[in-house]
Amino acid sequence: LHITLSSAGALISAFAIGVVIGGPPLAILTLHW
């Protein structure tokens, strides 16, 4: 991507934030399955 290693490391943080934000709504959505 022609970026610094620390900037690319933000991808891991973005992934973790996505899991934290997306996990609970998905759990609630599938609660009665």
PDB file of all heavy atoms in Angstrom:
ATOM      1  N   LEU A   1       0.807  -1.219   0.000  1.00  0.00           N
ATOM      2  CA  LEU A   1       0.000   0.000   0.000  1.00  0.00           C
ATOM      3  C   LEU A   1       0.840   1.269   0.000  1.00  0.00           C
ATOM      4  O   LEU A   1       0.288   2.373  -0.039  1.00  0.00           O
ATOM      5  CB  LEU A   1      -0.947   0.004   1.215  1.00  0.00           C
ATOM      6  CG  LEU A   1      -2.000  -1.105   1.251  1.00  0.00           C
ATOM      7  CD1 LEU A   1      -2.791  -1.051   2.545  1.00  0.00           C
ATOM      8  CD2 LEU A   1      -2.923  -1.013   0.053  1.00  0.00           C
ATOM      9  N   HIS A   2       2.164   1.107   0.086  1.00  0.00           N
ATOM     10  CA  HIS A   2       3.101   2.240   0.110  1.00  0.00           C
ATOM     11  C   HIS A   2       2.800   3.189   1.272  1.00  0.00           C
ATOM     12  O   HIS A   2       2.728   4.408   1.097  1.00  0.00           O
ATOM     13  CB  HIS A   2       3.096   2.998  -1.217  1.00  0.00           C
ATOM     14  CG  HIS A   2       3.357   2.130  -2.397  1.00  0.00           C
ATOM     15  ND1 HIS A   2       4.572   1.518  -2.627  1.00  0.00           N
ATOM     16  CD2 HIS A   2       2.547   1.735  -3.404  1.00  0.00           C
ATOM     17  CE1 HIS A   2       4.502   0.809  -3.726  1.00  0.00           C
ATOM     18  NE2 HIS A   2       3.270   0.913  -4.229  1.00  0.00           N
ATOM     19  N   ILE A   3       2.610   2.606   2.461  1.00  0.00           N
ATOM     20  CA  ILE A   3       2.374   3.387   3.673  1.00  0.00           C
ATOM     21  C   ILE A   3       3.347   2.903   4.744  1.00  0.00           C
ATOM     22  O   ILE A   3       4.019   1.892   4.582  1.00  0.00           O
ATOM     23  CB  ILE A   3       0.911   3.258   4.165  1.00  0.00           C
ATOM     24  CG1 ILE A   3       0.545   1.796   4.423  1.00  0.00           C
ATOM     25  CG2 ILE A   3      -0.053   3.882   3.189  1.00  0.00           C
ATOM     26  CD1 ILE A   3      -0.834   1.593   5.015  1.00  0.00           C
ATOM     27  N   THR A   4       3.417   3.644   5.852  1.00  0.00           N
ATOM     28  CA  THR A   4       4.316   3.239   6.927  1.00  0.00           C
ATOM     29  C   THR A   4       3.760   2.023   7.658  1.00  0.00           C
ATOM     30  O   THR A   4       2.557   1.734   7.591  1.00  0.00           O
ATOM     31  CB  THR A   4       4.505   4.387   7.937  1.00  0.00           C
ATOM     32  OG1 THR A   4       3.255   4.659   8.561  1.00  0.00           O
ATOM     33  CG2 THR A   4       5.058   5.635   7.259  1.00  0.00           C
ATOM     34  N   LEU A   5       4.655   1.357   8.353  1.00  0.00           N
ATOM     35  CA  LEU A   5       4.254   0.166   9.090  1.00  0.00           C
ATOM     36  C   LEU A   5       3.256   0.514  10.203  1.00  0.00           C
ATOM     37  O   LEU A   5       2.298  -0.230  10.441  1.00  0.00           O
ATOM     38  CB  LEU A   5       5.487  -0.518   9.685  1.00  0.00           C
ATOM     39  CG  LEU A   5       5.306  -1.891  10.294  1.00  0.00           C
ATOM     40  CD1 LEU A   5       4.751  -2.864   9.263  1.00  0.00           C
ATOM     41  CD2 LEU A   5       6.618  -2.402  10.843  1.00  0.00           C
ATOM     42  N   SER A   6       3.452   1.655  10.846  1.00  0.00           N
ATOM     43  CA  SER A   6       2.519   2.046  11.903  1.00  0.00           C
ATOM     44  C   SER A   6       1.136   2.384  11.347  1.00  0.00           C
ATOM     45  O   SER A   6       0.118   2.119  11.993  1.00  0.00           O
ATOM     46  CB  SER A   6       3.077   3.219  12.704  1.00  0.00           C
ATOM     47  OG  SER A   6       3.293   4.320  11.862  1.00  0.00           O
ATOM     48  N   SER A   7       1.096   2.961  10.162  1.00  0.00           N
ATOM     49  CA  SER A   7      -0.204   3.242   9.538  1.00  0.00           C
ATOM     50  C   SER A   7      -0.912   1.943   9.171  1.00  0.00           C
ATOM     51  O   SER A   7      -2.136   1.814   9.337  1.00  0.00           O
ATOM     52  CB  SER A   7      -0.034   4.084   8.288  1.00  0.00           C
ATOM     53  OG  SER A   7       0.468   5.351   8.612  1.00  0.00           O
ATOM     54  N   ALA A   8      -0.160   0.981   8.687  1.00  0.00           N
ATOM     55  CA  ALA A   8      -0.757  -0.315   8.365  1.00  0.00           C
ATOM     56  C   ALA A   8      -1.209  -1.025   9.636  1.00  0.00           C
ATOM     57  O   ALA A   8      -2.187  -1.778   9.615  1.00  0.00           O
ATOM     58  CB  ALA A   8       0.249  -1.178   7.605  1.00  0.00           C
ATOM     59  N   GLY A   9      -0.524  -0.768  10.750  1.00  0.00           N
ATOM     60  CA  GLY A   9      -0.931  -1.369  12.020  1.00  0.00           C
ATOM     61  C   GLY A   9      -2.296  -0.904  12.468  1.00  0.00           C
ATOM     62  O   GLY A   9      -2.971  -1.584  13.242  1.00  0.00           O
ATOM     63  N   ALA A  10      -2.723   0.249  11.994  1.00  0.00           N
ATOM     64  CA  ALA A  10      -4.060   0.741  12.326  1.00  0.00           C
ATOM     65  C   ALA A  10      -5.140  -0.187  11.753  1.00  0.00           C
ATOM     66  O   ALA A  10      -6.277  -0.167  12.230  1.00  0.00           O
ATOM     67  CB  ALA A  10      -4.254   2.155  11.810  1.00  0.00           C
ATOM     68  N   LEU A  11      -4.797  -0.987  10.759  1.00  0.00           N
ATOM     69  CA  LEU A  11      -5.761  -1.949  10.211  1.00  0.00           C
ATOM     70  C   LEU A  11      -6.201  -2.951  11.272  1.00  0.00           C
ATOM     71  O   LEU A  11      -7.372  -3.350  11.315  1.00  0.00           O
ATOM     72  CB  LEU A  11      -5.150  -2.702   9.024  1.00  0.00           C
ATOM     73  CG  LEU A  11      -4.907  -1.896   7.760  1.00  0.00           C
ATOM     74  CD1 LEU A  11      -4.128  -2.734   6.754  1.00  0.00           C
ATOM     75  CD2 LEU A  11      -6.221  -1.444   7.170  1.00  0.00           C
ATOM     76  N   ILE A  12      -5.254  -3.355  12.126  1.00  0.00           N
ATOM     77  CA  ILE A  12      -5.599  -4.300  13.192  1.00  0.00           C
ATOM     78  C   ILE A  12      -6.564  -3.642  14.170  1.00  0.00           C
ATOM     79  O   ILE A  12      -7.532  -4.256  14.615  1.00  0.00           O
ATOM     80  CB  ILE A  12      -4.332  -4.808  13.897  1.00  0.00           C
ATOM     81  CG1 ILE A  12      -3.474  -5.595  12.909  1.00  0.00           C
ATOM     82  CG2 ILE A  12      -4.687  -5.678  15.092  1.00  0.00           C
ATOM     83  CD1 ILE A  12      -2.142  -6.049  13.464  1.00  0.00           C
ATOM     84  N   SER A  13      -6.310  -2.368  14.485  1.00  0.00           N
ATOM     85  CA  SER A  13      -7.219  -1.641  15.381  1.00  0.00           C
ATOM     86  C   SER A  13      -8.589  -1.471  14.744  1.00  0.00           C
ATOM     87  O   SER A  13      -9.615  -1.616  15.416  1.00  0.00           O
ATOM     88  CB  SER A  13      -6.640  -0.275  15.723  1.00  0.00           C
ATOM     89  OG  SER A  13      -5.423  -0.418  16.403  1.00  0.00           O
ATOM     90  N   ALA A  14      -8.617  -1.171  13.453  1.00  0.00           N
ATOM     91  CA  ALA A  14      -9.896  -1.013  12.754  1.00  0.00           C
ATOM     92  C   ALA A  14     -10.673  -2.324  12.756  1.00  0.00           C
ATOM     93  O   ALA A  14     -11.898  -2.336  12.951  1.00  0.00           O
ATOM     94  CB  ALA A  14      -9.666  -0.526  11.333  1.00  0.00           C
ATOM     95  N   PHE A  15      -9.983  -3.434  12.558  1.00  0.00           N
ATOM     96  CA  PHE A  15     -10.635  -4.748  12.590  1.00  0.00           C
ATOM     97  C   PHE A  15     -11.210  -5.014  13.978  1.00  0.00           C
ATOM     98  O   PHE A  15     -12.359  -5.457  14.111  1.00  0.00           O
ATOM     99  CB  PHE A  15      -9.644  -5.840  12.202  1.00  0.00           C
ATOM    100  CG  PHE A  15     -10.211  -7.225  12.282  1.00  0.00           C
ATOM    101  CD1 PHE A  15     -11.064  -7.689  11.303  1.00  0.00           C
ATOM    102  CD2 PHE A  15      -9.893  -8.058  13.340  1.00  0.00           C
ATOM    103  CE1 PHE A  15     -11.592  -8.973  11.377  1.00  0.00           C
ATOM    104  CE2 PHE A  15     -10.409  -9.334  13.417  1.00  0.00           C
ATOM    105  CZ  PHE A  15     -11.265  -9.790  12.438  1.00  0.00           C
ATOM    106  N   ALA A  16     -10.431  -4.725  15.019  1.00  0.00           N
ATOM    107  CA  ALA A  16     -10.894  -4.958  16.385  1.00  0.00           C
ATOM    108  C   ALA A  16     -12.100  -4.079  16.717  1.00  0.00           C
ATOM    109  O   ALA A  16     -13.052  -4.544  17.352  1.00  0.00           O
ATOM    110  CB  ALA A  16      -9.762  -4.695  17.368  1.00  0.00           C
ATOM    111  N   ILE A  17     -12.070  -2.831  16.280  1.00  0.00           N
ATOM    112  CA  ILE A  17     -13.212  -1.935  16.528  1.00  0.00           C
ATOM    113  C   ILE A  17     -14.451  -2.447  15.798  1.00  0.00           C
ATOM    114  O   ILE A  17     -15.557  -2.421  16.326  1.00  0.00           O
ATOM    115  CB  ILE A  17     -12.858  -0.492  16.110  1.00  0.00           C
ATOM    116  CG1 ILE A  17     -11.827   0.079  17.078  1.00  0.00           C
ATOM    117  CG2 ILE A  17     -14.101   0.387  16.062  1.00  0.00           C
ATOM    118  CD1 ILE A  17     -11.226   1.391  16.631  1.00  0.00           C
ATOM    119  N   GLY A  18     -14.261  -2.948  14.576  1.00  0.00           N
ATOM    120  CA  GLY A  18     -15.383  -3.521  13.831  1.00  0.00           C
ATOM    121  C   GLY A  18     -15.993  -4.716  14.535  1.00  0.00           C
ATOM    122  O   GLY A  18     -17.222  -4.879  14.563  1.00  0.00           O
ATOM    123  N   VAL A  19     -15.159  -5.548  15.144  1.00  0.00           N
ATOM    124  CA  VAL A  19     -15.660  -6.709  15.886  1.00  0.00           C
ATOM    125  C   VAL A  19     -16.420  -6.254  17.128  1.00  0.00           C
ATOM    126  O   VAL A  19     -17.487  -6.782  17.443  1.00  0.00           O
ATOM    127  CB  VAL A  19     -14.495  -7.660  16.252  1.00  0.00           C
ATOM    128  CG1 VAL A  19     -14.945  -8.726  17.221  1.00  0.00           C
ATOM    129  CG2 VAL A  19     -13.918  -8.298  15.004  1.00  0.00           C
ATOM    130  N   VAL A  20     -15.871  -5.269  17.825  1.00  0.00           N
ATOM    131  CA  VAL A  20     -16.524  -4.775  19.044  1.00  0.00           C
ATOM    132  C   VAL A  20     -17.862  -4.122  18.726  1.00  0.00           C
ATOM    133  O   VAL A  20     -18.854  -4.326  19.432  1.00  0.00           O
ATOM    134  CB  VAL A  20     -15.594  -3.779  19.783  1.00  0.00           C
ATOM    135  CG1 VAL A  20     -16.329  -3.021  20.864  1.00  0.00           C
ATOM    136  CG2 VAL A  20     -14.412  -4.522  20.370  1.00  0.00           C
ATOM    137  N   ILE A  21     -17.916  -3.333  17.657  1.00  0.00           N
ATOM    138  CA  ILE A  21     -19.156  -2.639  17.301  1.00  0.00           C
ATOM    139  C   ILE A  21     -20.158  -3.588  16.639  1.00  0.00           C
ATOM    140  O   ILE A  21     -21.354  -3.518  16.894  1.00  0.00           O
ATOM    141  CB  ILE A  21     -18.845  -1.438  16.383  1.00  0.00           C
ATOM    142  CG1 ILE A  21     -18.093  -0.374  17.173  1.00  0.00           C
ATOM    143  CG2 ILE A  21     -20.117  -0.853  15.782  1.00  0.00           C
ATOM    144  CD1 ILE A  21     -17.588   0.781  16.338  1.00  0.00           C
ATOM    145  N   GLY A  22     -19.669  -4.477  15.793  1.00  0.00           N
ATOM    146  CA  GLY A  22     -20.575  -5.355  15.059  1.00  0.00           C
ATOM    147  C   GLY A  22     -21.008  -6.595  15.812  1.00  0.00           C
ATOM    148  O   GLY A  22     -22.049  -7.178  15.504  1.00  0.00           O
ATOM    149  N   GLY A  23     -20.245  -7.023  16.803  1.00  0.00           N
ATOM    150  CA  GLY A  23     -20.556  -8.256  17.525  1.00  0.00           C
ATOM    151  C   GLY A  23     -21.864  -8.232  18.293  1.00  0.00           C
ATOM    152  O   GLY A  23     -22.710  -9.116  18.112  1.00  0.00           O
ATOM    153  N   PRO A  24     -22.066  -7.258  19.170  1.00  0.00           N
ATOM    154  CA  PRO A  24     -23.319  -7.247  19.943  1.00  0.00           C
ATOM    155  C   PRO A  24     -24.596  -7.158  19.101  1.00  0.00           C
ATOM    156  O   PRO A  24     -25.542  -7.906  19.346  1.00  0.00           O
ATOM    157  CB  PRO A  24     -23.157  -6.031  20.862  1.00  0.00           C
ATOM    158  CG  PRO A  24     -21.677  -5.907  21.029  1.00  0.00           C
ATOM    159  CD  PRO A  24     -21.104  -6.289  19.700  1.00  0.00           C
ATOM    160  N   PRO A  25     -24.660  -6.273  18.073  1.00  0.00           N
ATOM    161  CA  PRO A  25     -25.895  -6.272  17.264  1.00  0.00           C
ATOM    162  C   PRO A  25     -26.134  -7.599  16.541  1.00  0.00           C
ATOM    163  O   PRO A  25     -27.277  -8.053  16.421  1.00  0.00           O
ATOM    164  CB  PRO A  25     -25.671  -5.148  16.259  1.00  0.00           C
ATOM    165  CG  PRO A  25     -24.670  -4.258  16.871  1.00  0.00           C
ATOM    166  CD  PRO A  25     -23.793  -5.160  17.693  1.00  0.00           C
ATOM    167  N   LEU A  26     -25.061  -8.226  16.092  1.00  0.00           N
ATOM    168  CA  LEU A  26     -25.216  -9.513  15.423  1.00  0.00           C
ATOM    169  C   LEU A  26     -25.694 -10.582  16.414  1.00  0.00           C
ATOM    170  O   LEU A  26     -26.515 -11.424  16.069  1.00  0.00           O
ATOM    171  CB  LEU A  26     -23.897  -9.933  14.776  1.00  0.00           C
ATOM    172  CG  LEU A  26     -23.952 -11.152  13.878  1.00  0.00           C
ATOM    173  CD1 LEU A  26     -24.919 -10.925  12.723  1.00  0.00           C
ATOM    174  CD2 LEU A  26     -22.576 -11.477  13.348  1.00  0.00           C
ATOM    175  N   ALA A  27     -25.195 -10.527  17.635  1.00  0.00           N
ATOM    176  CA  ALA A  27     -25.646 -11.470  18.662  1.00  0.00           C
ATOM    177  C   ALA A  27     -27.129 -11.276  18.971  1.00  0.00           C
ATOM    178  O   ALA A  27     -27.874 -12.237  19.118  1.00  0.00           O
ATOM    179  CB  ALA A  27     -24.807 -11.308  19.917  1.00  0.00           C
ATOM    180  N   ILE A  28     -27.553 -10.023  19.059  1.00  0.00           N
ATOM    181  CA  ILE A  28     -28.976  -9.737  19.323  1.00  0.00           C
ATOM    182  C   ILE A  28     -29.839 -10.164  18.147  1.00  0.00           C
ATOM    183  O   ILE A  28     -30.917 -10.724  18.322  1.00  0.00           O
ATOM    184  CB  ILE A  28     -29.157  -8.241  19.655  1.00  0.00           C
ATOM    185  CG1 ILE A  28     -28.506  -7.927  21.001  1.00  0.00           C
ATOM    186  CG2 ILE A  28     -30.638  -7.870  19.664  1.00  0.00           C
ATOM    187  CD1 ILE A  28     -28.408  -6.456  21.314  1.00  0.00           C
ATOM    188  N   LEU A  29     -29.346  -9.905  16.930  1.00  0.00           N
ATOM    189  CA  LEU A  29     -30.094 -10.270  15.729  1.00  0.00           C
ATOM    190  C   LEU A  29     -30.324 -11.781  15.631  1.00  0.00           C
ATOM    191  O   LEU A  29     -31.393 -12.227  15.217  1.00  0.00           O
ATOM    192  CB  LEU A  29     -29.353  -9.778  14.488  1.00  0.00           C
ATOM    193  CG  LEU A  29     -29.995 -10.076  13.144  1.00  0.00           C
ATOM    194  CD1 LEU A  29     -31.257  -9.243  12.976  1.00  0.00           C
ATOM    195  CD2 LEU A  29     -29.029  -9.783  12.021  1.00  0.00           C
ATOM    196  N   THR A  30     -29.347 -12.547  16.041  1.00  0.00           N
ATOM    197  CA  THR A  30     -29.445 -14.010  15.923  1.00  0.00           C
ATOM    198  C   THR A  30     -29.865 -14.692  17.213  1.00  0.00           C
ATOM    199  O   THR A  30     -29.808 -15.916  17.328  1.00  0.00           O
ATOM    200  CB  THR A  30     -28.087 -14.582  15.470  1.00  0.00           C
ATOM    201  OG1 THR A  30     -27.089 -14.258  16.448  1.00  0.00           O
ATOM    202  CG2 THR A  30     -27.674 -14.027  14.125  1.00  0.00           C
ATOM    203  N   LEU A  31     -30.322 -13.917  18.192  1.00  0.00           N
ATOM    204  CA  LEU A  31     -30.673 -14.456  19.502  1.00  0.00           C
ATOM    205  C   LEU A  31     -31.741 -15.536  19.436  1.00  0.00           C
ATOM    206  O   LEU A  31     -31.655 -16.544  20.145  1.00  0.00           O
ATOM    207  CB  LEU A  31     -31.139 -13.308  20.414  1.00  0.00           C
ATOM    208  CG  LEU A  31     -31.479 -13.664  21.855  1.00  0.00           C
ATOM    209  CD1 LEU A  31     -30.226 -14.134  22.578  1.00  0.00           C
ATOM    210  CD2 LEU A  31     -32.058 -12.448  22.552  1.00  0.00           C
ATOM    211  N   HIS A  32     -32.732 -15.376  18.609  1.00  0.00           N
ATOM    212  CA  HIS A  32     -33.853 -16.323  18.583  1.00  0.00           C
ATOM    213  C   HIS A  32     -33.742 -17.364  17.480  1.00  0.00           C
ATOM    214  O   HIS A  32     -34.709 -18.097  17.246  1.00  0.00           O
ATOM    215  CB  HIS A  32     -35.169 -15.550  18.465  1.00  0.00           C
ATOM    216  CG  HIS A  32     -35.418 -14.666  19.634  1.00  0.00           C
ATOM    217  ND1 HIS A  32     -35.720 -15.143  20.881  1.00  0.00           N
ATOM    218  CD2 HIS A  32     -35.382 -13.321  19.763  1.00  0.00           C
ATOM    219  CE1 HIS A  32     -35.863 -14.153  21.729  1.00  0.00           C
ATOM    220  NE2 HIS A  32     -35.667 -13.017  21.067  1.00  0.00           N
ATOM    221  N   TRP A  33     -32.599 -17.432  16.825  1.00  0.00           N
ATOM    222  CA  TRP A  33     -32.410 -18.471  15.815  1.00  0.00           C
ATOM    223  C   TRP A  33     -32.245 -19.809  16.518  1.00  0.00           C
ATOM    224  O   TRP A  33     -31.638 -19.884  17.584  1.00  0.00           O
ATOM    225  CB  TRP A  33     -31.193 -18.187  14.965  1.00  0.00           C
ATOM    226  CG  TRP A  33     -31.357 -17.033  14.006  1.00  0.00           C
ATOM    227  CD1 TRP A  33     -32.398 -16.180  13.911  1.00  0.00           C
ATOM    228  CD2 TRP A  33     -30.425 -16.626  13.014  1.00  0.00           C
ATOM    229  NE1 TRP A  33     -32.179 -15.248  12.927  1.00  0.00           N
ATOM    230  CE2 TRP A  33     -30.972 -15.511  12.355  1.00  0.00           C
ATOM    231  CE3 TRP A  33     -29.182 -17.085  12.628  1.00  0.00           C
ATOM    232  CZ2 TRP A  33     -30.310 -14.867  11.315  1.00  0.00           C
ATOM    233  CZ3 TRP A  33     -28.539 -16.444  11.599  1.00  0.00           C
ATOM    234  CH2 TRP A  33     -29.100 -15.346  10.952  1.00  0.00           C
TER     235      TRP A  33
END
